[in-house]
Amino acid sequence: MRLVGATLDEVRARAGGRASHLVEWDFPAGLDMDTYLARKKEKAPLYDQVPEVSFLRTYVREDMGKCLCLYDAPDDAPVVRARAVVSTRIDRLHRLAPPSDATVASPQP
């Protein structure tokens, strides 16, 4: 996988380290990494049109089969709108469980 977009520290700062949604996009045949990256750079500013969603990070398979995109949003609707704004399909949309606030106690000797 290739990481595309914000650094991990930037992701953590923007969303408190939490992503609420995972989008899977199966790339169309023939799409290459250079074309994908150029399109991403062109379209990324359009996310500002949907302020209730934060795009966090993308993971791209090196074989260009698919990418996984992480978002933080209150529900599915803003994620769907954000993908529409950048003219990009959603093949599968997953709502991620919030991280557990429970801490695991270390065993006592």
Protein backbone atom coordinates (compact mmCIF):
# COMPACT_ATOMS: atom_id res chain seq x y z
CA MET A 1 0.00 0.00 0.00
CA ARG A 2 1.10 3.53 -0.68
CA LEU A 3 0.00 6.28 1.68
CA VAL A 4 -1.41 9.32 -0.07
CA GLY A 5 -2.38 12.58 1.56
CA ALA A 6 -1.85 13.84 5.07
CA THR A 7 0.82 12.50 7.34
CA LEU A 8 -0.27 10.39 10.28
CA ASP A 9 0.42 13.31 12.65
CA GLU A 10 -1.80 15.59 10.54
CA VAL A 11 -4.58 13.00 10.55
CA ARG A 12 -4.40 12.67 14.32
CA ALA A 13 -4.48 16.45 14.78
CA ARG A 14 -7.53 16.91 12.54
CA ALA A 15 -9.73 14.14 13.85
CA GLY A 16 -8.28 13.37 17.21
CA GLY A 17 -6.80 10.26 15.65
CA ARG A 18 -10.25 8.88 14.83
CA ALA A 19 -11.86 8.00 11.54
CA SER A 20 -15.58 7.31 11.41
CA HIS A 21 -15.87 6.02 7.83
CA LEU A 22 -13.91 3.87 5.40
CA VAL A 23 -14.60 4.10 1.68
CA GLU A 24 -13.41 1.42 -0.72
CA TRP A 25 -13.02 2.41 -4.35
CA ASP A 26 -12.20 -0.26 -6.93
CA PHE A 27 -10.12 1.56 -9.52
CA PRO A 28 -11.16 1.40 -13.17
CA ALA A 29 -8.95 -0.70 -15.43
CA GLY A 30 -6.06 1.24 -16.91
CA LEU A 31 -5.77 3.87 -14.18
CA ASP A 32 -2.11 4.44 -13.31
CA MET A 33 -0.61 6.01 -10.20
CA ASP A 34 0.53 9.23 -11.91
CA THR A 35 -2.94 9.88 -13.34
CA TYR A 36 -4.55 9.08 -9.99
CA LEU A 37 -2.22 11.42 -8.09
CA ALA A 38 -2.74 14.28 -10.57
CA ARG A 39 -6.52 13.89 -10.32
CA LYS A 40 -6.38 13.72 -6.53
CA LYS A 41 -4.34 16.94 -6.37
CA GLU A 42 -6.81 18.69 -8.68
CA LYS A 43 -9.95 17.51 -6.85
CA ALA A 44 -8.86 17.62 -3.18
CA PRO A 45 -9.72 21.33 -2.64
CA LEU A 46 -13.35 20.54 -3.55
CA TYR A 47 -13.78 18.73 -0.23
CA ASP A 48 -14.11 22.21 1.30
CA GLN A 49 -17.63 22.29 -0.17
CA VAL A 50 -18.69 19.71 2.44
CA PRO A 51 -17.37 21.19 5.71
CA GLU A 52 -19.02 18.58 7.95
CA VAL A 53 -16.68 15.86 6.65
CA SER A 54 -12.92 15.65 7.03
CA PHE A 55 -10.96 13.66 4.51
CA LEU A 56 -8.16 12.05 6.50
CA ARG A 57 -6.01 9.70 4.44
CA THR A 58 -5.88 7.36 1.47
CA TYR A 59 -4.18 4.00 1.11
CA VAL A 60 -3.57 2.96 -2.51
CA ARG A 61 -2.67 -0.56 -3.54
CA GLU A 62 0.52 -0.55 -5.61
CA ASP A 63 -1.19 -2.76 -8.24
CA MET A 64 -3.83 0.00 -8.61
CA GLY A 65 -6.66 -2.41 -7.84
CA LYS A 66 -8.31 -0.21 -5.23
CA CYS A 67 -7.86 2.45 -2.62
CA LEU A 68 -9.14 2.86 0.91
CA CYS A 69 -10.06 6.35 2.09
CA LEU A 70 -10.64 7.38 5.68
CA TYR A 71 -13.05 10.15 6.66
CA ASP A 72 -14.43 11.67 9.83
CA ALA A 73 -18.11 12.64 9.57
CA PRO A 74 -21.23 12.58 11.77
CA ASP A 75 -22.99 10.06 9.49
CA ASP A 76 -22.86 8.54 5.98
CA ALA A 77 -24.55 11.41 4.11
CA PRO A 78 -21.65 13.92 4.22
CA VAL A 79 -19.21 11.23 3.06
CA VAL A 80 -21.47 10.42 0.11
CA ARG A 81 -21.75 14.15 -0.73
CA ALA A 82 -17.98 14.61 -0.44
CA ARG A 83 -17.33 11.75 -2.86
CA ALA A 84 -19.86 13.23 -5.28
CA VAL A 85 -18.16 16.64 -5.10
CA VAL A 86 -14.86 15.10 -6.19
CA SER A 87 -16.64 12.92 -8.80
CA THR A 88 -15.40 9.69 -7.25
CA ARG A 89 -17.37 6.49 -6.77
CA ILE A 90 -18.02 4.61 -3.57
CA ASP A 91 -17.87 0.88 -4.11
CA ARG A 92 -18.26 0.09 -0.42
CA LEU A 93 -18.88 2.40 2.54
CA HIS A 94 -18.20 1.23 6.08
CA ARG A 95 -19.07 2.99 9.32
CA LEU A 96 -16.19 2.34 11.71
CA ALA A 97 -16.79 1.54 15.35
CA PRO A 98 -15.52 4.24 17.69
CA PRO A 99 -12.37 3.32 19.54
CA SER A 100 -12.95 1.82 22.92
CA ASP A 101 -12.30 4.15 25.81
CA ALA A 102 -11.73 1.16 28.06
CA THR A 103 -8.19 0.61 29.12
CA VAL A 104 -6.69 -2.81 29.57
CA ALA A 105 -5.20 -3.25 32.98
CA SER A 106 -1.78 -4.81 33.21
CA PRO A 107 -1.73 -8.07 35.15
CA GLN A 108 -0.46 -7.70 38.66
CA PRO A 109 2.59 -9.82 39.58
